[in-house]
Structures are given as structure tokens and as C-alpha cells.
């Protein structure tokens, strides 16, 4: 403890250690509480079983993720294809293949979140406007 090194009374040492222990115990209890609430949460089999606000939040998040990833892909893919078409496969090396794998994964993630967002859009449209 920094204040003990600066000449504070040694009888505070026991109080500080117990305060540290209380802080750690409180943090453990908080994490246990969060974990218990996560494990006992209500689970939905389908998106249509969720409430409107849950579907809306999920849809908004999906549109944001899909939009961001698609925007990033749209800026990178033309240069990638131009380079890939001018370079034979045997000269790509591990970096070229790694870049290809990263772009494929990013495309799949964008597609998945876009599909989730579109499904949430359909659910909200059916509930509110039909």
C-alpha cells in the first residue's frame, strides 16, 4: 500500500486488506449474479416470438453491422480482384490466401447479419403495418 510507505499508521493495514477482500468478494458476487441472470434468461426459439422492441434492437444492430462490413468490402474488393486477376495463384503466398479467407469470412458475416436484419424488418412490418 502506497500510504504505508509514506508513514501512515500501521493499524490501517488490516482495514485496507479487508477492504480489498470486500471489493474482490463484491466483484465475484456481481459476476455470479450476472452469470445467473444470463443462464436463467428467457430464450426464444424464433425471432417472431420476441417482443417488438427486442426485434427492433436486433434489426437495428443487424443493419449497422451488415452495412459497415458491406461498406468496407465494397472499398476493398475491387482492388483485391484487380490484383488477384493479374497475379497467378502460385505467386499469392500465404498473405494472399489469408486475405482471401478474411474477405470471405467478412462477407459471410455481413450476409448473416443482413439476413437477420431483413427478417427483423419483415416481422416489424407485419406487426405494425398489416
Foldseek 3Di string as FASTA:
>chain_A
DVVVVVPDDPVCVVVVVVVVVVVVVVVVVVVVVVVVCVVPDDDDPDLLVDDLVVLVVLLVVLCVLLVVLVVVCVVPVVVLVVVPVVDDPVPCPPVNVVVVVVNVVSVVSSVVSNVSNVVSVVSNCVVPPD
